[in-house]
N, C-alpha and C. Protein backbone atom coordinates (compact mmCIF):
# COMPACT_ATOMS: atom_id res chain seq x y z
N MET A 1 65.37 60.28 266.90
CA MET A 1 66.25 59.27 268.01
C MET A 1 65.73 59.03 268.98
N ALA A 2 65.08 58.44 269.73
CA ALA A 2 64.12 57.45 270.68
C ALA A 2 64.84 58.29 272.50
N HIS A 3 64.32 58.72 273.41
CA HIS A 3 64.08 59.18 274.26
C HIS A 3 64.67 58.50 275.26
N PRO A 4 65.54 58.11 275.87
CA PRO A 4 65.90 57.32 277.28
C PRO A 4 65.31 57.35 278.42
N TYR A 5 64.46 56.57 278.84
CA TYR A 5 62.90 56.40 280.14
C TYR A 5 63.86 56.65 281.20
N ILE A 6 63.38 57.50 281.68
CA ILE A 6 64.02 57.66 283.27
C ILE A 6 62.22 57.43 284.20
N PRO A 7 62.73 56.74 285.21
CA PRO A 7 61.95 56.55 286.17
C PRO A 7 61.14 57.33 286.91
N ASN A 8 60.10 58.08 287.37
CA ASN A 8 59.36 58.44 288.29
C ASN A 8 60.11 58.79 289.74
N LEU A 9 60.60 58.57 290.22
CA LEU A 9 60.49 58.27 291.51
C LEU A 9 59.56 58.08 292.55
N VAL A 10 59.26 59.92 292.67
CA VAL A 10 58.35 60.18 293.51
C VAL A 10 57.08 59.22 292.91
N GLU A 11 56.74 58.96 291.65
CA GLU A 11 54.94 58.41 291.66
C GLU A 11 55.61 57.29 291.78
N LEU A 12 56.38 56.46 291.85
CA LEU A 12 56.79 55.08 291.84
C LEU A 12 56.78 55.04 293.78
N GLN A 13 57.38 55.94 294.21
CA GLN A 13 57.07 55.71 296.14
C GLN A 13 55.86 56.37 296.69
N VAL A 14 55.34 56.84 295.52
CA VAL A 14 54.04 57.39 296.32
C VAL A 14 52.55 56.50 296.19
N LEU A 15 52.72 55.44 294.69
CA LEU A 15 52.72 54.70 294.79
C LEU A 15 52.76 52.98 295.77
N GLY A 16 54.04 52.79 296.26
CA GLY A 16 54.37 51.92 297.33
C GLY A 16 53.52 52.49 298.41
N GLU A 17 53.44 53.82 298.66
CA GLU A 17 52.62 54.31 299.75
C GLU A 17 51.32 54.19 299.74
N LEU A 18 50.91 54.15 298.65
CA LEU A 18 49.14 53.40 298.85
C LEU A 18 49.18 52.43 298.58
N ASN A 19 50.49 50.99 298.15
CA ASN A 19 49.50 49.80 298.31
C ASN A 19 50.02 49.37 299.44
N TYR A 20 51.20 50.12 300.49
CA TYR A 20 51.16 49.60 301.87
C TYR A 20 50.08 50.18 302.83
N ARG A 21 49.44 51.24 302.47
CA ARG A 21 48.33 51.70 302.81
C ARG A 21 46.88 50.39 302.79
N ARG A 22 46.99 50.51 301.76
CA ARG A 22 45.73 48.94 301.09
C ARG A 22 45.86 47.96 301.54
N LEU A 23 47.49 47.85 301.67
CA LEU A 23 47.18 46.16 302.70
C LEU A 23 47.16 46.03 304.34
N GLY A 24 47.10 47.36 304.69
CA GLY A 24 46.61 47.16 306.01
C GLY A 24 45.12 47.43 306.39
N LYS A 25 44.84 48.44 305.37
CA LYS A 25 43.34 47.71 305.27
C LYS A 25 42.11 46.64 304.80
N LEU A 26 42.80 45.62 304.33
CA LEU A 26 43.00 44.50 304.46
C LEU A 26 43.15 43.39 305.22
N VAL A 27 44.19 43.46 305.98
CA VAL A 27 44.22 42.99 307.19
C VAL A 27 43.99 42.67 308.84
N ARG A 28 43.46 44.89 308.47
CA ARG A 28 42.73 45.84 309.61
C ARG A 28 42.07 44.41 310.69
N GLY A 29 42.46 44.97 312.06
CA GLY A 29 41.93 43.91 312.71
C GLY A 29 42.01 42.01 312.53
N TYR A 30 43.28 42.47 311.69
CA TYR A 30 43.62 40.66 312.01
C TYR A 30 45.40 40.69 311.72
N GLU A 31 45.74 41.54 312.15
CA GLU A 31 47.32 41.39 311.70
C GLU A 31 47.91 40.86 312.98
N GLU A 32 47.49 40.31 313.11
CA GLU A 32 48.67 38.81 314.41
C GLU A 32 48.47 37.73 313.64
N ASP A 33 46.98 37.27 312.26
CA ASP A 33 47.16 36.36 311.96
C ASP A 33 48.70 36.47 310.46
N ASP A 34 48.44 35.32 310.01
CA ASP A 34 49.15 34.90 309.28
C ASP A 34 49.30 35.17 307.47
N SER A 35 47.46 34.64 307.32
CA SER A 35 47.19 35.02 306.10
C SER A 35 45.98 35.02 306.11
N TRP A 36 45.22 35.63 304.92
CA TRP A 36 44.39 36.32 305.06
C TRP A 36 43.39 36.45 303.72
N HIS A 37 42.10 35.51 303.40
CA HIS A 37 41.51 35.52 302.60
C HIS A 37 40.71 35.69 302.05
N PHE A 38 39.96 35.96 300.85
CA PHE A 38 38.99 37.57 300.17
C PHE A 38 38.79 36.53 299.14
N THR A 39 37.86 36.29 298.97
CA THR A 39 36.17 35.93 297.47
C THR A 39 36.21 37.71 297.31
N ILE A 40 36.47 37.94 295.43
CA ILE A 40 35.65 38.73 295.01
C ILE A 40 35.07 38.69 294.17
N HIS A 41 33.78 39.16 293.95
CA HIS A 41 32.55 39.37 292.73
C HIS A 41 32.50 40.20 292.33
N THR A 42 33.04 40.33 290.61
CA THR A 42 32.70 41.63 289.99
C THR A 42 32.49 40.90 288.35
N MET A 43 31.42 41.70 287.56
CA MET A 43 31.01 40.98 286.75
C MET A 43 30.71 40.27 286.39
N GLY A 44 29.58 39.00 286.94
CA GLY A 44 29.38 37.77 287.18
C GLY A 44 30.82 36.95 287.25
N GLN A 45 31.96 37.19 287.48
CA GLN A 45 33.23 36.45 287.64
C GLN A 45 32.88 36.50 289.57
N GLN A 46 33.47 34.97 290.07
CA GLN A 46 34.14 35.20 291.21
C GLN A 46 35.85 34.66 291.45
N SER A 47 36.58 35.83 292.09
CA SER A 47 38.11 35.11 292.54
C SER A 47 38.16 35.28 293.36
N ARG A 48 39.77 34.60 293.61
CA ARG A 48 40.00 34.75 295.22
C ARG A 48 41.67 35.24 295.15
N LEU A 49 41.54 35.78 296.12
CA LEU A 49 42.85 36.59 296.66
C LEU A 49 42.93 36.09 298.18
N SER A 50 44.57 35.76 297.72
CA SER A 50 45.31 35.48 299.08
C SER A 50 46.76 36.10 299.82
N LEU A 51 46.64 36.42 300.56
CA LEU A 51 47.95 37.16 301.22
C LEU A 51 48.66 36.36 302.80
N GLU A 52 49.48 36.02 302.21
CA GLU A 52 50.38 34.41 303.52
C GLU A 52 51.91 35.52 303.50
N LEU A 53 51.84 35.60 304.78
CA LEU A 53 53.08 36.29 305.37
C LEU A 53 54.22 34.85 305.49
N MET A 54 55.25 35.31 304.68
CA MET A 54 56.34 34.35 304.64
C MET A 54 57.47 34.88 305.52
N GLU A 55 57.43 36.01 306.15
CA GLU A 55 58.57 36.10 306.60
C GLU A 55 58.62 37.58 306.96
N GLU A 56 58.74 37.59 308.39
CA GLU A 56 58.44 39.11 308.88
C GLU A 56 60.41 40.00 310.24
N SER A 57 60.38 40.85 309.62
CA SER A 57 61.42 40.93 311.28
C SER A 57 60.89 42.80 311.60
N ARG A 58 61.87 42.86 311.88
CA ARG A 58 61.23 44.29 312.67
C ARG A 58 60.69 45.50 311.70
N PHE A 59 61.45 45.32 310.76
CA PHE A 59 61.40 46.70 309.25
C PHE A 59 60.87 46.31 308.32
N THR A 60 60.68 45.05 308.17
CA THR A 60 60.32 44.19 307.10
C THR A 60 59.59 43.23 307.00
N ALA A 61 58.46 42.74 306.28
CA ALA A 61 57.70 41.79 305.74
C ALA A 61 57.76 42.08 304.42
N GLN A 62 57.53 39.91 304.27
CA GLN A 62 57.91 39.73 303.30
C GLN A 62 56.26 38.81 303.43
N VAL A 63 55.60 38.78 301.69
CA VAL A 63 54.20 38.80 301.85
C VAL A 63 53.70 37.75 300.21
N LYS A 64 53.60 37.01 300.46
CA LYS A 64 53.03 36.08 298.98
C LYS A 64 51.49 36.34 298.27
N LEU A 65 51.98 37.25 297.43
CA LEU A 65 50.12 37.49 296.75
C LEU A 65 49.67 36.39 296.08
N THR A 66 48.36 36.03 296.18
CA THR A 66 47.93 34.20 294.91
C THR A 66 46.42 35.06 294.52
N PHE A 67 46.64 35.24 293.25
CA PHE A 67 45.14 35.57 292.71
C PHE A 67 44.76 34.30 291.78
N ALA A 68 43.85 33.65 291.62
CA ALA A 68 43.22 33.30 290.42
C ALA A 68 41.83 33.19 290.75
N PRO A 69 41.18 32.34 289.39
CA PRO A 69 39.67 32.52 289.69
C PRO A 69 39.18 31.03 290.66
N GLU A 70 37.65 31.30 291.24
CA GLU A 70 37.40 30.92 291.89
C GLU A 70 37.40 29.87 291.31
N ILE A 71 36.88 29.26 290.54
CA ILE A 71 36.69 27.90 289.56
C ILE A 71 37.92 27.71 288.50
N SER A 72 38.59 26.99 288.99
CA SER A 72 38.89 26.62 287.36
C SER A 72 39.19 26.62 286.19
N VAL A 73 39.44 27.22 285.30
CA VAL A 73 39.34 27.59 283.82
C VAL A 73 40.02 26.72 283.31
N LYS A 74 40.09 25.79 281.54
CA LYS A 74 40.84 25.25 281.60
C LYS A 74 41.09 26.04 280.42
N LEU A 75 43.27 26.22 280.35
CA LEU A 75 43.02 27.68 279.54
C LEU A 75 44.41 26.69 279.45
N PRO A 76 44.77 27.08 278.03
CA PRO A 76 45.93 26.41 278.13
C PRO A 76 47.44 26.96 278.77
N PHE A 77 47.35 28.21 279.30
CA PHE A 77 48.36 28.50 280.39
C PHE A 77 47.36 29.06 281.79
N SER A 78 48.70 28.94 282.87
CA SER A 78 48.14 28.94 284.13
C SER A 78 46.97 30.68 284.17
N SER A 79 45.85 30.55 285.22
CA SER A 79 45.53 31.96 285.00
C SER A 79 45.29 32.59 286.43
N GLU A 80 46.65 31.43 287.48
CA GLU A 80 46.64 31.73 288.65
C GLU A 80 48.19 33.31 288.57
N LEU A 81 47.26 34.31 289.55
CA LEU A 81 48.90 35.61 289.23
C LEU A 81 49.57 34.99 291.16
N THR A 82 51.14 35.07 290.66
CA THR A 82 51.16 35.04 292.24
C THR A 82 52.39 36.13 292.38
N MET A 83 52.64 36.75 293.31
CA MET A 83 53.46 37.73 293.32
C MET A 83 54.19 38.00 294.43
N THR A 84 55.69 38.36 295.16
CA THR A 84 56.07 38.54 296.40
C THR A 84 56.10 40.20 296.75
N VAL A 85 55.47 40.57 298.12
CA VAL A 85 55.77 41.82 297.90
C VAL A 85 56.32 41.98 299.12
N ARG A 86 57.33 42.52 299.38
CA ARG A 86 57.83 43.75 300.54
C ARG A 86 57.38 44.71 301.35
N LEU A 87 57.49 44.40 302.58
CA LEU A 87 56.49 45.45 302.97
C LEU A 87 57.65 46.35 304.37
N TYR A 88 57.93 47.36 303.83
CA TYR A 88 59.03 48.21 304.43
C TYR A 88 58.04 48.99 305.68
N HIS A 89 58.11 48.85 306.66
CA HIS A 89 57.49 49.23 307.73
C HIS A 89 57.64 50.44 308.59
N ASP A 90 59.07 50.84 308.47
CA ASP A 90 59.68 51.88 309.06
C ASP A 90 59.57 53.33 307.65
N VAL A 91 59.49 52.59 306.38
CA VAL A 91 58.91 53.88 305.79
C VAL A 91 57.29 53.67 305.24
N GLY A 92 56.38 52.85 305.46
CA GLY A 92 54.99 52.78 304.91
C GLY A 92 55.11 52.50 303.30
N ILE A 93 55.84 51.67 303.29
CA ILE A 93 56.09 51.60 301.70
C ILE A 93 56.35 49.84 301.36
N ALA A 94 55.54 49.36 300.00
CA ALA A 94 55.41 47.80 299.83
C ALA A 94 55.48 48.03 298.36
N GLU A 95 56.03 46.99 298.19
CA GLU A 95 56.72 46.78 296.46
C GLU A 95 56.74 45.35 296.26
N ILE A 96 57.00 44.69 294.62
CA ILE A 96 57.10 43.99 294.24
C ILE A 96 58.34 43.60 294.30
N THR A 97 58.80 42.27 294.58
CA THR A 97 60.04 41.91 294.24
C THR A 97 59.86 40.89 293.68
N ASP A 98 60.69 39.68 293.25
CA ASP A 98 60.39 38.09 292.97
C ASP A 98 60.60 37.13 294.12
N GLY A 99 60.49 37.52 295.13
CA GLY A 99 61.39 37.13 296.30
C GLY A 99 62.56 36.53 296.66
N HIS A 100 63.68 36.85 295.31
CA HIS A 100 65.06 37.12 295.94
C HIS A 100 65.82 38.17 295.15
N ARG A 101 65.37 38.89 294.55
CA ARG A 101 65.60 40.33 293.83
C ARG A 101 64.60 41.12 294.12
N HIS A 102 65.08 42.64 293.42
CA HIS A 102 64.34 43.75 293.79
C HIS A 102 64.18 44.19 291.85
N TYR A 103 63.25 44.54 291.40
CA TYR A 103 63.60 44.67 290.12
C TYR A 103 64.00 46.04 289.61
N GLN A 104 64.44 46.33 288.76
CA GLN A 104 64.79 47.13 288.38
C GLN A 104 64.11 48.29 288.35
N GLY A 105 64.96 49.31 288.25
CA GLY A 105 63.72 51.21 288.42
C GLY A 105 63.19 51.17 286.11
N ALA A 106 64.62 50.76 285.76
CA ALA A 106 64.21 50.74 284.03
C ALA A 106 64.95 49.86 283.41
N TYR A 107 64.74 49.36 282.62
CA TYR A 107 64.72 48.30 281.55
C TYR A 107 65.26 49.08 280.68
N PRO A 108 66.72 48.97 279.84
CA PRO A 108 67.00 48.87 278.11
C PRO A 108 65.66 48.54 277.74
N TYR A 109 65.43 48.56 276.66
CA TYR A 109 64.26 48.16 274.87
C TYR A 109 65.02 48.35 274.12
N PRO A 110 64.74 47.13 273.42
CA PRO A 110 64.15 45.61 273.85
C PRO A 110 65.78 45.47 274.47
N ASN A 111 64.61 44.18 275.13
CA ASN A 111 65.28 42.62 276.11
C ASN A 111 65.72 41.40 276.30
N ASP A 112 66.19 40.43 276.79
CA ASP A 112 66.09 39.34 276.85
C ASP A 112 65.07 38.99 277.37
N ASP A 113 64.99 39.84 278.63
CA ASP A 113 63.37 39.19 279.54
C ASP A 113 62.52 40.07 278.50
N MET A 114 62.47 40.47 278.01
CA MET A 114 61.08 41.37 278.03
C MET A 114 59.92 41.92 278.79
N HIS A 115 61.15 42.47 279.56
CA HIS A 115 60.94 43.38 280.61
C HIS A 115 60.48 44.64 280.13
N HIS A 116 59.38 45.59 280.31
CA HIS A 116 59.15 46.80 279.54
C HIS A 116 59.74 48.10 280.35
N ARG A 117 59.55 49.07 279.49
CA ARG A 117 61.09 49.91 280.12
C ARG A 117 60.93 50.64 281.31
N ASP A 118 59.29 50.46 282.19
CA ASP A 118 59.18 50.91 283.08
C ASP A 118 58.09 49.75 283.88
N GLU A 119 58.72 48.55 283.92
CA GLU A 119 58.78 46.98 284.38
C GLU A 119 58.03 47.39 286.34
N LYS A 120 59.22 47.98 286.82
CA LYS A 120 58.98 48.08 288.51
C LYS A 120 57.47 49.00 288.30
N PHE A 121 57.46 49.83 288.07
CA PHE A 121 56.04 50.46 288.09
C PHE A 121 54.67 49.86 287.48
N ARG A 122 55.26 49.52 286.92
CA ARG A 122 53.76 48.74 286.03
C ARG A 122 53.84 47.34 286.80
N LEU A 123 54.36 46.16 287.46
CA LEU A 123 53.69 45.24 288.45
C LEU A 123 53.53 46.00 289.53
N ASN A 124 54.09 46.97 289.82
CA ASN A 124 53.54 48.32 290.98
C ASN A 124 51.82 48.58 291.15
N GLN A 125 51.95 49.11 289.89
CA GLN A 125 50.58 48.97 289.05
C GLN A 125 49.23 48.41 289.18
N GLN A 126 50.23 46.40 289.26
CA GLN A 126 48.97 45.59 288.58
C GLN A 126 48.74 45.31 290.65
N LEU A 127 49.77 45.60 291.34
CA LEU A 127 49.39 45.01 292.78
C LEU A 127 48.22 46.47 292.89
N SER A 128 48.31 47.51 292.53
CA SER A 128 47.24 48.18 293.39
C SER A 128 45.91 47.99 292.40
N ASP A 129 46.00 47.65 291.40
CA ASP A 129 44.76 46.68 290.85
C ASP A 129 44.07 46.13 291.63
N LEU A 130 44.70 45.53 291.78
CA LEU A 130 44.26 43.81 292.80
C LEU A 130 44.34 43.71 294.08
N LEU A 131 44.91 45.19 295.02
CA LEU A 131 43.84 45.04 295.98
C LEU A 131 42.70 46.32 296.09
N GLU A 132 43.36 47.30 295.28
CA GLU A 132 41.90 48.33 294.96
C GLU A 132 40.43 47.09 294.44
N LEU A 133 40.31 46.25 293.93
CA LEU A 133 39.57 44.98 293.29
C LEU A 133 38.91 44.74 294.64
N CYS A 134 39.34 43.92 295.75
CA CYS A 134 39.59 43.48 296.57
C CYS A 134 38.99 44.28 297.77
N LEU A 135 39.51 45.82 298.52
CA LEU A 135 38.81 46.78 298.64
C LEU A 135 37.64 46.90 298.34
N LYS A 136 37.50 47.10 296.93
CA LYS A 136 36.03 47.37 296.59
C LYS A 136 34.93 46.26 296.58
N HIS A 137 34.96 45.25 295.97
CA HIS A 137 34.69 43.97 295.90
C HIS A 137 34.54 42.69 296.81
N GLY A 138 36.15 42.98 297.14
CA GLY A 138 36.39 41.62 298.25
C GLY A 138 35.74 41.49 299.26
N HIS A 139 35.51 40.17 300.12
CA HIS A 139 34.65 39.23 301.46
C HIS A 139 35.88 38.85 302.07
N ARG A 140 36.22 38.45 303.35
CA ARG A 140 37.11 38.05 304.30
C ARG A 140 36.48 36.63 303.88
N LEU A 141 36.80 35.80 303.66
CA LEU A 141 37.13 34.37 304.31
C LEU A 141 37.53 34.48 305.91
N TYR A 142 36.66 34.01 305.76
CA TYR A 142 37.59 33.32 307.82
C TYR A 142 37.75 32.01 307.95
N ASP A 143 36.91 30.93 307.02
CA ASP A 143 37.80 29.49 307.58
C ASP A 143 37.77 29.35 305.59
N LEU A 144 38.85 28.60 306.00
CA LEU A 144 39.45 28.65 303.79
C LEU A 144 38.69 27.13 303.88
N PRO A 145 37.87 26.77 303.28
CA PRO A 145 38.12 25.30 303.22
C PRO A 145 39.02 24.53 302.33
N ASP A 146 39.14 23.14 302.61
CA ASP A 146 39.82 22.38 302.39
C ASP A 146 39.53 22.34 300.61
N PHE A 147 38.53 21.97 300.73
CA PHE A 147 38.24 21.57 298.99
C PHE A 147 37.81 23.01 298.22
N GLN A 148 37.94 22.44 296.97
CA GLN A 148 37.24 23.58 295.67
C GLN A 148 36.00 22.95 295.02
N PHE A 149 34.99 24.71 295.21
CA PHE A 149 34.25 24.18 294.44
C PHE A 149 34.45 24.34 292.82
N ALA A 150 33.28 22.86 292.44
CA ALA A 150 33.70 22.94 290.83
C ALA A 150 32.37 22.55 289.62
């Protein structure tokens, strides 16, 4: 008999705190802006990561993160990744939401939406990976061109 999945809340909280700090490093010095754009060069591939402030209040902010190849690739599916990140300033945590609801800590498996048991952790780990990639290999774009190179 399979054991039920129990989320590791400490691990999830630490990941949220680290992601909050990573986002803070990316926007440092430009906190008053409402969008931040980066180009990332890794292993011969160029990508772009953009952060756009969607809403902000005293204790929270919502940011849209978009990650895509610099040059569009002809694929039968979208190569662009978009996620909504909610920042909780009072506790210094960032977590992925889909814009109107929070992900559950655990999902039954299998399920109709094909979520992993630890979907929330995996999505926040993906956010962590993207932010680390940008911190290590990204360069800020100060003026976003109106056209795309092809």
